[in-house]
Protein backbone atom coordinates (compact mmCIF):
# COMPACT_ATOMS: atom_id res chain seq x y z
CA MET A 1 42.07 -14.77 -20.57
CA PRO A 2 44.52 -16.66 -22.78
CA GLU A 3 43.03 -18.56 -25.69
CA TYR A 4 44.20 -22.06 -26.47
CA ARG A 5 43.91 -24.48 -29.36
CA VAL A 6 44.31 -28.24 -29.29
CA ILE A 7 45.65 -29.36 -32.66
CA ASP A 8 46.30 -32.85 -34.01
CA ALA A 9 49.57 -32.77 -35.94
CA PHE A 10 50.85 -35.06 -38.71
CA THR A 11 47.35 -36.07 -39.69
CA ASP A 12 44.60 -34.80 -41.99
CA ARG A 13 41.78 -36.09 -39.77
CA PRO A 14 40.80 -35.41 -36.15
CA LEU A 15 41.65 -37.80 -33.31
CA ALA A 16 44.79 -39.10 -35.01
CA GLY A 17 48.38 -37.91 -35.18
CA ASN A 18 49.84 -36.19 -32.14
CA PRO A 19 47.79 -33.63 -30.18
CA ALA A 20 49.44 -30.46 -28.91
CA ALA A 21 48.00 -27.55 -26.99
CA VAL A 22 49.01 -24.17 -28.41
CA LEU A 23 48.84 -20.78 -26.69
CA VAL A 24 49.65 -17.61 -28.64
CA LEU A 25 50.39 -14.94 -26.03
CA ASP A 26 50.87 -11.18 -26.11
CA ASP A 27 53.48 -10.84 -23.40
CA THR A 28 56.07 -12.67 -21.32
CA TYR A 29 54.99 -15.26 -18.76
CA PRO A 30 56.53 -17.06 -15.77
CA ASP A 31 58.11 -20.44 -16.45
CA VAL A 32 56.26 -21.98 -13.52
CA TRP A 33 52.94 -20.84 -15.05
CA ALA A 34 53.80 -22.39 -18.42
CA GLN A 35 54.85 -25.65 -16.76
CA GLY A 36 51.63 -25.70 -14.76
CA ILE A 37 49.54 -25.20 -17.92
CA ALA A 38 51.43 -28.03 -19.65
CA ALA A 39 50.78 -30.31 -16.69
CA GLU A 40 47.10 -29.35 -16.76
CA PHE A 41 46.73 -30.22 -20.44
CA ASN A 42 48.79 -33.38 -19.85
CA LEU A 43 49.60 -33.78 -23.54
CA SER A 44 53.04 -34.81 -24.75
CA GLU A 45 53.73 -31.11 -25.46
CA THR A 46 52.16 -27.72 -24.91
CA ALA A 47 53.55 -24.89 -27.04
CA PHE A 48 53.78 -21.21 -26.06
CA ALA A 49 54.32 -18.64 -28.81
CA ARG A 50 54.59 -14.86 -28.54
CA ARG A 51 55.46 -12.28 -31.16
CA ILE A 52 58.89 -10.69 -30.67
CA ASP A 53 60.73 -7.69 -32.09
CA ASP A 54 63.65 -9.48 -33.67
CA PRO A 55 64.98 -9.06 -37.23
CA GLY A 56 65.79 -12.77 -37.39
CA ALA A 57 62.52 -14.24 -36.11
CA ASP A 58 58.81 -13.48 -35.84
CA PHE A 59 57.83 -15.44 -32.72
CA GLU A 60 59.46 -16.93 -29.67
CA LEU A 61 58.43 -20.58 -29.33
CA ARG A 62 58.84 -22.82 -26.29
CA TRP A 63 57.70 -26.39 -25.66
CA PHE A 64 56.78 -28.06 -22.36
CA THR A 65 55.96 -31.68 -21.59
CA PRO A 66 53.86 -32.28 -18.45
CA VAL A 67 57.08 -32.32 -16.42
CA THR A 68 59.79 -30.27 -18.18
CA GLU A 69 60.74 -27.78 -20.90
CA ILE A 70 62.44 -29.37 -23.92
CA ASP A 71 64.85 -28.18 -26.61
CA LEU A 72 63.03 -29.30 -29.76
CA CYS A 73 59.54 -30.51 -30.66
CA GLY A 74 58.32 -31.12 -34.17
CA HIS A 75 54.63 -31.80 -33.79
CA ALA A 76 54.05 -28.82 -31.49
CA THR A 77 55.95 -26.58 -33.93
CA LEU A 78 53.72 -27.82 -36.74
CA ALA A 79 50.66 -27.28 -34.54
CA THR A 80 51.78 -23.73 -33.66
CA ALA A 81 52.33 -22.83 -37.31
CA HIS A 82 48.87 -24.23 -38.09
CA ALA A 83 47.35 -22.12 -35.27
CA LEU A 84 49.09 -18.95 -36.48
CA THR A 85 47.92 -19.61 -40.03
CA GLU A 86 44.34 -19.85 -38.72
CA LEU A 87 44.92 -16.52 -36.94
CA GLY A 88 45.89 -14.90 -40.25
CA VAL A 89 49.68 -14.92 -39.95
CA GLU A 90 51.31 -15.23 -43.36
CA GLY A 91 54.38 -17.39 -43.85
CA PRO A 92 57.13 -18.12 -43.84
CA ILE A 93 56.96 -18.12 -40.03
CA ARG A 94 60.29 -17.91 -38.19
CA PHE A 95 60.45 -19.19 -34.62
CA SER A 96 63.21 -18.31 -32.16
CA THR A 97 63.74 -21.46 -30.07
CA ARG A 98 66.25 -23.28 -27.89
CA SER A 99 67.36 -25.04 -31.09
CA GLY A 100 67.92 -21.84 -33.04
CA VAL A 101 65.63 -20.22 -35.59
CA LEU A 102 63.17 -22.71 -37.09
CA THR A 103 61.21 -21.74 -40.20
CA VAL A 104 57.86 -23.15 -41.34
CA ARG A 105 56.57 -22.66 -44.89
CA GLU A 106 53.43 -23.78 -46.67
CA ARG A 107 54.01 -25.65 -49.91
CA ASP A 108 51.58 -27.75 -51.94
CA GLY A 109 48.93 -27.40 -49.25
CA ARG A 110 51.21 -28.80 -46.52
CA LEU A 111 53.29 -27.14 -43.79
CA TRP A 112 57.03 -27.82 -44.00
CA MET A 113 59.42 -27.34 -41.08
CA ASP A 114 63.14 -26.71 -41.55
CA PHE A 115 65.03 -28.43 -38.71
CA PRO A 116 68.70 -29.24 -38.05
CA ALA A 117 69.65 -32.83 -38.90
CA ARG A 118 70.92 -34.68 -35.83
CA PRO A 119 72.41 -37.94 -37.11
CA ALA A 120 73.12 -40.85 -34.83
CA THR A 121 76.61 -42.22 -34.21
CA ALA A 122 76.92 -45.98 -33.74
CA ALA A 123 77.12 -46.96 -30.08
CA GLU A 124 77.00 -50.17 -28.10
CA ALA A 125 73.52 -51.15 -26.98
CA PRO A 126 73.08 -50.32 -23.28
CA GLU A 127 72.59 -53.21 -20.92
CA GLY A 128 68.94 -54.18 -20.63
CA LEU A 129 67.82 -52.60 -23.93
CA ALA A 130 66.49 -55.78 -25.53
CA GLY A 131 64.54 -56.68 -22.41
CA ALA A 132 63.17 -53.16 -22.02
CA LEU A 133 61.91 -53.08 -25.62
CA GLY A 134 61.01 -56.73 -25.91
CA ALA A 135 62.98 -57.06 -29.18
CA GLU A 136 66.58 -57.64 -30.21
CA PRO A 137 68.30 -54.61 -31.79
CA LEU A 138 70.16 -54.92 -35.09
CA TRP A 139 71.94 -51.57 -34.65
CA THR A 140 72.07 -48.86 -32.02
CA GLY A 141 73.34 -45.31 -32.03
CA ILE A 142 73.12 -42.01 -30.16
CA GLY A 143 71.80 -38.90 -31.94
CA GLY A 144 69.87 -35.75 -31.21
CA ASN A 145 69.89 -34.77 -27.56
CA ASN A 146 71.04 -38.13 -26.15
CA ASP A 147 68.36 -40.04 -28.06
CA LEU A 148 68.91 -43.76 -28.53
CA LEU A 149 68.14 -44.91 -32.09
CA VAL A 150 67.43 -48.63 -32.33
CA GLU A 151 67.09 -50.45 -35.64
CA LEU A 152 64.84 -53.52 -35.47
CA ALA A 153 64.31 -56.36 -37.93
CA ASP A 154 61.10 -55.23 -39.62
CA ALA A 155 57.99 -53.08 -39.40
CA ALA A 156 55.98 -55.87 -37.77
CA THR A 157 58.47 -56.01 -34.90
CA VAL A 158 58.19 -52.25 -34.37
CA ARG A 159 54.39 -52.38 -34.42
CA ALA A 160 54.28 -55.27 -31.94
CA LEU A 161 56.53 -53.65 -29.31
CA ALA A 162 55.16 -53.65 -25.77
CA PRO A 163 58.05 -52.06 -23.85
CA ASP A 164 58.45 -51.87 -20.09
CA PRO A 165 58.26 -48.12 -19.23
CA THR A 166 60.20 -48.58 -15.98
CA ALA A 167 63.00 -50.39 -17.80
CA ILE A 168 63.00 -47.81 -20.61
CA ARG A 169 63.28 -45.01 -18.04
CA ALA A 170 66.34 -46.70 -16.54
CA LEU A 171 68.24 -46.64 -19.84
CA PRO A 172 70.90 -43.90 -20.25
CA ALA A 173 68.92 -42.03 -22.92
CA ARG A 174 66.44 -39.18 -23.08
CA MET A 175 64.26 -41.00 -25.63
CA VAL A 176 64.32 -44.42 -27.27
CA ILE A 177 63.50 -44.41 -30.99
CA ALA A 178 62.71 -47.82 -32.48
CA THR A 179 62.76 -47.96 -36.29
CA ALA A 180 62.72 -50.42 -39.18
CA PRO A 181 62.13 -50.50 -42.95
CA GLY A 182 58.60 -49.50 -43.81
CA ASP A 183 55.53 -51.32 -45.06
CA GLY A 184 52.23 -50.36 -46.65
CA GLY A 185 53.70 -47.68 -48.88
CA HIS A 186 55.89 -46.12 -46.19
CA ASP A 187 59.67 -46.14 -46.47
CA THR A 188 60.26 -46.42 -42.73
CA VAL A 189 58.30 -46.94 -39.54
CA SER A 190 59.13 -45.94 -35.99
CA ARG A 191 57.87 -45.64 -32.43
CA CYS A 192 59.23 -43.35 -29.71
CA PHE A 193 59.34 -43.81 -25.94
CA ALA A 194 60.31 -41.08 -23.44
CA PRO A 195 59.01 -41.95 -19.94
CA SER A 196 61.81 -39.90 -18.34
CA MET A 197 60.10 -36.80 -19.81
CA GLY A 198 56.63 -37.86 -18.72
CA VAL A 199 55.71 -39.37 -22.11
CA ALA A 200 55.46 -43.17 -22.05
CA GLU A 201 54.97 -43.26 -25.84
CA ASP A 202 54.81 -40.21 -28.05
CA PRO A 203 52.17 -40.62 -30.79
CA VAL A 204 54.15 -38.83 -33.55
CA THR A 205 57.56 -37.26 -32.93
CA GLY A 206 58.88 -34.70 -35.40
CA SER A 207 62.17 -34.18 -33.54
CA ALA A 208 62.94 -37.91 -33.65
CA HIS A 209 62.89 -37.72 -37.43
CA THR A 210 65.86 -35.35 -37.39
CA VAL A 211 67.68 -38.50 -36.26
CA ILE A 212 65.69 -40.99 -38.36
CA ALA A 213 66.01 -39.06 -41.66
CA PRO A 214 69.84 -39.16 -41.96
CA PHE A 215 69.88 -42.81 -40.84
CA TRP A 216 67.46 -44.00 -43.52
CA ALA A 217 68.74 -41.62 -46.20
CA GLU A 218 72.09 -43.41 -46.01
CA ARG A 219 70.53 -46.87 -46.09
CA LEU A 220 67.90 -46.14 -48.75
CA GLY A 221 70.29 -44.19 -50.94
CA ARG A 222 67.93 -41.24 -51.38
CA THR A 223 67.01 -38.07 -49.57
CA GLU A 224 63.19 -37.99 -49.85
CA PHE A 225 60.88 -40.53 -48.29
CA LEU A 226 57.64 -41.09 -46.40
CA ALA A 227 57.79 -42.10 -42.74
CA ARG A 228 55.10 -43.60 -40.55
CA GLN A 229 55.09 -43.40 -36.76
CA ALA A 230 53.22 -46.55 -35.84
CA SER A 231 51.74 -45.59 -32.49
CA LYS A 232 48.11 -46.29 -31.66
CA ARG A 233 47.10 -42.89 -33.11
CA GLY A 234 49.74 -42.93 -35.83
CA GLY A 235 50.91 -40.24 -38.22
CA ASP A 236 52.69 -39.61 -41.52
CA LEU A 237 55.80 -37.46 -41.99
CA HIS A 238 57.18 -36.37 -45.36
CA LEU A 239 60.96 -36.15 -45.07
CA ARG A 240 63.56 -34.46 -47.23
CA LEU A 241 67.21 -34.31 -46.23
CA GLU A 242 69.19 -31.32 -47.55
CA GLY A 243 72.76 -31.22 -46.27
CA ASP A 244 72.64 -30.68 -42.53
CA ARG A 245 68.92 -29.80 -42.53
CA VAL A 246 65.82 -32.00 -42.44
CA HIS A 247 62.61 -30.70 -43.99
CA ILE A 248 59.59 -32.31 -42.34
CA GLY A 249 56.19 -31.90 -43.95
CA GLY A 250 52.84 -32.69 -42.40
CA ASP A 251 49.18 -31.84 -42.06
CA ALA A 252 47.35 -30.60 -38.96
CA VAL A 253 43.74 -30.32 -37.75
CA THR A 254 42.31 -28.09 -35.00
CA VAL A 255 40.04 -30.15 -32.74
CA ALA A 256 39.30 -27.71 -29.88
CA THR A 257 39.52 -24.03 -28.96
CA GLY A 258 38.77 -22.27 -25.72
CA ASP A 259 39.85 -19.83 -22.99
CA LEU A 260 41.83 -20.53 -19.84
CA ASN A 261 39.97 -19.30 -16.77
CA LEU A 262 43.10 -18.04 -15.01
């Protein structure tokens, strides 16, 4: 029976950050089975890793929301690397994914992911955006995989958002990323909404910071900073922009282990 772990990512304490279910498997598996498991866990992402014979990578890694497979997920990658470390796998760990080979290394007691930067290009705000978010955008752009980046006035505005999920779903974007200058020792804050993927609000979104990092690096005039995703659970992300790559550092905590009775 497959073993699973539920791991809180981008936090150093349980019941915070973003939870992901992780399964490390020995063999191939049907897509419909993986999607069914992800729906059963009903977390923002469930990760499936299996060791592969490939000179360029150590493991295949795939990510599923409750309703679909996705191209890139930061917190579930961090959670998978944490799970493999607990299983005795030594780093660096190279994952073969839909977004290419992603490498995770441990440095200074923290796991660091090496992701492609996906900067946003300025674009006109889609009709209905302000009403859907409940706040007026200062700037909008499209980055990542059709992700809508929205700059708001300040951190308090981001924290106070109470968006309409139905209206957010109707926008022509995969995910809406609201961001503003930080507060409380953080350089930037954000919140992420993706109801079209079955995730009304994602607690902490590593992939969104491949869009956020280049945006704030340009405005802050530096390439290293601390980001806070200000969801109810919340989480911290250490960001470092190097050329066309974003290094995302974070902590993770295992909160549950068990076996699937399948």
